[in-house]
Amino acid sequence: MRPHCLYLLLLTALPAAAQIYRYTDANGNPAYSDRPPAGVQGQAVELAPLNRIAPPRPTLAPASEPELLPPASAPTYSTLELNGILNGGVVRANNGTVNVEVRLQPPLHSTHRLRLLLDDQPYGPPGTTPSLQLLNLDRGEHRLAVQVLAGEQVVQQSPTLTFTLQRVHRP
């Protein structure tokens, strides 16, 4: 894919390297073209050289110490909760899409992933983003929680909140 993009970029750059001609049209107005005009005296326009900037050199990240996992007996996160839905609240979403945010303190460890539990069942693949979305959710009452996973092992789980989804019912 990258070689094709490079070829396309080179092809689009070719006209920029072409010669430009200035001439006066039949109405006496100055005109410009990439070809010398037929039957009209044209003058080649000298263009200033293009600006060129060298690409930045990649910098190597300083070597860092490996992150240590906290002891298994201690809670990993002092804060792990869902935001965007009130416990016992009502959410109106006619398309069934509900957005939730995960509040974590300290930030998510690099080896951990977040996974939603909807009605006590895993919902979607584990990920690292604290913004999660439920799609095409049925109307009615639901339970929602988030788990922190290390591989397949549950490290910690948020308190479960209950909410009711309202959406238009069309028979």
Protein backbone atom coordinates (compact mmCIF):
# COMPACT_ATOMS: atom_id res chain seq x y z
CA MET A 1 0.00 0.00 0.00
CA ARG A 2 2.81 2.44 0.88
CA PRO A 3 4.57 2.10 -2.51
CA HIS A 4 1.28 2.95 -4.25
CA CYS A 5 0.87 6.08 -2.14
CA LEU A 6 4.44 7.10 -2.94
CA TYR A 7 3.79 6.73 -6.68
CA LEU A 8 0.62 8.80 -6.42
CA LEU A 9 2.47 11.54 -4.55
CA LEU A 10 5.21 11.58 -7.18
CA LEU A 11 2.66 11.79 -10.00
CA THR A 12 0.89 14.72 -8.36
CA ALA A 13 4.24 16.49 -7.85
CA LEU A 14 5.23 16.26 -11.54
CA PRO A 15 2.99 19.13 -12.71
CA ALA A 16 4.49 21.33 -9.99
CA ALA A 17 7.91 20.85 -11.59
CA ALA A 18 6.62 21.78 -15.10
CA GLN A 19 7.43 25.08 -16.82
CA ILE A 20 4.94 27.95 -16.52
CA TYR A 21 4.29 30.37 -19.41
CA ARG A 22 2.84 33.89 -19.25
CA TYR A 23 1.08 35.49 -22.20
CA THR A 24 -1.60 38.02 -23.00
CA ASP A 25 -4.96 36.61 -24.14
CA ALA A 26 -7.23 38.00 -26.88
CA ASN A 27 -8.89 40.41 -24.39
CA GLY A 28 -5.57 41.83 -23.26
CA ASN A 29 -5.58 40.06 -19.90
CA PRO A 30 -2.48 38.30 -18.56
CA ALA A 31 -2.86 34.50 -18.62
CA TYR A 32 -0.73 31.61 -17.42
CA SER A 33 -0.41 28.08 -18.78
CA ASP A 34 1.78 25.01 -18.49
CA ARG A 35 2.12 24.92 -22.32
CA PRO A 36 3.40 27.66 -24.59
CA PRO A 37 0.40 29.29 -26.30
CA ALA A 38 -0.02 28.60 -30.04
CA GLY A 39 0.34 31.69 -32.22
CA VAL A 40 0.91 34.03 -29.25
CA GLN A 41 4.23 35.10 -27.89
CA GLY A 42 4.64 33.51 -24.43
CA GLN A 43 7.30 34.17 -21.86
CA ALA A 44 8.67 31.45 -19.56
CA VAL A 45 8.17 32.35 -15.89
CA GLU A 46 11.06 31.63 -13.56
CA LEU A 47 9.78 30.37 -10.25
CA ALA A 48 11.56 30.75 -6.95
CA PRO A 49 12.99 27.50 -5.57
CA LEU A 50 10.62 25.48 -3.38
CA ASN A 51 11.15 25.40 0.35
CA ARG A 52 12.51 22.11 1.56
CA ILE A 53 12.61 20.89 5.13
CA ALA A 54 14.57 17.87 6.20
CA PRO A 55 12.47 15.30 8.08
CA PRO A 56 13.13 15.17 11.80
CA ARG A 57 15.50 12.50 12.98
CA PRO A 58 13.85 9.86 15.13
CA THR A 59 14.84 10.08 18.73
CA LEU A 60 15.28 7.04 20.84
CA ALA A 61 13.19 6.89 23.96
CA PRO A 62 15.28 6.71 27.11
CA ALA A 63 15.47 3.28 28.57
CA SER A 64 13.00 3.00 31.39
CA GLU A 65 12.68 0.59 34.21
CA PRO A 66 10.08 -2.13 33.72
CA GLU A 67 6.76 -1.39 35.38
CA LEU A 68 6.20 -3.46 38.46
CA LEU A 69 2.79 -4.91 39.23
CA PRO A 70 1.44 -4.18 42.68
CA PRO A 71 1.08 -7.08 45.08
CA ALA A 72 -1.94 -9.27 44.35
CA SER A 73 -3.41 -8.72 47.84
CA ALA A 74 -3.57 -4.91 47.50
CA PRO A 75 -6.29 -3.24 45.40
CA THR A 76 -4.69 -2.04 42.19
CA TYR A 77 -6.84 1.06 41.71
CA SER A 78 -8.05 3.33 44.48
CA THR A 79 -10.81 4.60 42.14
CA LEU A 80 -12.57 2.36 39.63
CA GLU A 81 -16.05 3.49 38.67
CA LEU A 82 -18.35 4.20 35.74
CA ASN A 83 -19.41 7.76 34.88
CA GLY A 84 -22.13 8.94 32.54
CA ILE A 85 -24.93 6.80 34.01
CA LEU A 86 -26.53 7.31 37.39
CA ASN A 87 -27.14 4.24 39.51
CA GLY A 88 -30.90 3.65 39.39
CA GLY A 89 -31.23 6.31 36.67
CA VAL A 90 -33.03 6.37 33.36
CA VAL A 91 -31.21 6.74 30.04
CA ARG A 92 -33.08 7.71 26.89
CA ALA A 93 -31.40 6.50 23.69
CA ASN A 94 -33.72 5.77 20.76
CA ASN A 95 -30.93 4.04 18.82
CA GLY A 96 -29.81 2.04 21.87
CA THR A 97 -26.34 3.63 22.00
CA VAL A 98 -25.04 4.50 25.46
CA ASN A 99 -21.64 6.07 26.17
CA VAL A 100 -19.88 5.50 29.49
CA GLU A 101 -16.61 6.74 30.92
CA VAL A 102 -14.36 4.80 33.29
CA ARG A 103 -12.74 6.75 36.14
CA LEU A 104 -9.47 5.17 37.23
CA GLN A 105 -6.97 6.29 39.80
CA PRO A 106 -4.03 5.74 39.23
CA PRO A 107 -4.09 5.52 35.39
CA LEU A 108 -4.48 2.15 33.72
CA HIS A 109 -1.38 -0.02 33.99
CA SER A 110 0.20 -0.87 30.63
CA THR A 111 -0.48 -4.60 31.06
CA HIS A 112 -4.13 -4.12 32.06
CA ARG A 113 -7.25 -3.92 29.87
CA LEU A 114 -10.80 -2.71 30.57
CA ARG A 115 -13.89 -4.80 29.80
CA LEU A 116 -17.54 -3.94 30.34
CA LEU A 117 -19.96 -6.34 31.98
CA LEU A 118 -23.52 -5.88 30.77
CA ASP A 119 -26.11 -7.86 32.71
CA ASP A 120 -23.27 -9.88 34.29
CA GLN A 121 -21.90 -10.95 30.87
CA PRO A 122 -18.72 -9.66 29.15
CA TYR A 123 -19.57 -6.99 26.57
CA GLY A 124 -17.12 -6.37 23.73
CA PRO A 125 -13.39 -6.98 23.59
CA PRO A 126 -11.08 -5.71 26.34
CA GLY A 127 -9.38 -2.39 25.56
CA THR A 128 -7.30 0.41 27.01
CA THR A 129 -9.55 3.41 26.38
CA PRO A 130 -11.59 4.80 29.28
CA SER A 131 -14.44 5.78 26.90
CA LEU A 132 -16.69 2.83 26.18
CA GLN A 133 -19.87 2.47 24.16
CA LEU A 134 -22.84 0.12 24.31
CA LEU A 135 -24.50 -0.34 20.91
CA ASN A 136 -28.09 -1.30 20.02
CA LEU A 137 -29.03 -1.97 23.62
CA ASP A 138 -32.55 -3.30 24.27
CA ARG A 139 -34.91 -1.18 26.30
CA GLY A 140 -35.49 -2.13 29.89
CA GLU A 141 -33.42 -2.54 33.05
CA HIS A 142 -29.69 -3.37 32.79
CA ARG A 143 -26.75 -3.93 35.13
CA LEU A 144 -23.37 -2.48 34.18
CA ALA A 145 -19.87 -2.78 35.62
CA VAL A 146 -16.30 -2.59 34.35
CA GLN A 147 -13.51 -5.06 35.00
CA VAL A 148 -9.75 -4.56 34.93
CA LEU A 149 -8.09 -7.58 33.34
CA ALA A 150 -4.51 -8.82 33.36
CA GLY A 151 -4.62 -11.32 30.52
CA GLU A 152 -7.77 -13.31 31.26
CA GLN A 153 -7.58 -12.79 35.03
CA VAL A 154 -9.89 -10.24 36.65
CA VAL A 155 -7.74 -7.88 38.73
CA GLN A 156 -10.52 -5.61 39.99
CA GLN A 157 -14.19 -4.87 39.27
CA SER A 158 -16.20 -1.68 39.76
CA PRO A 159 -19.43 -1.60 41.73
CA THR A 160 -22.39 -2.67 39.57
CA LEU A 161 -24.88 0.03 38.69
CA THR A 162 -28.42 -0.49 37.50
CA PHE A 163 -30.16 1.73 34.95
CA THR A 164 -33.23 1.64 32.75
CA LEU A 165 -32.92 2.28 29.02
CA GLN A 166 -35.85 3.98 27.33
CA ARG A 167 -36.13 3.86 23.58
CA VAL A 168 -38.98 4.16 21.11
CA HIS A 169 -40.79 0.91 20.46
CA ARG A 170 -42.08 0.57 16.92
CA PRO A 171 -44.16 -2.52 16.24
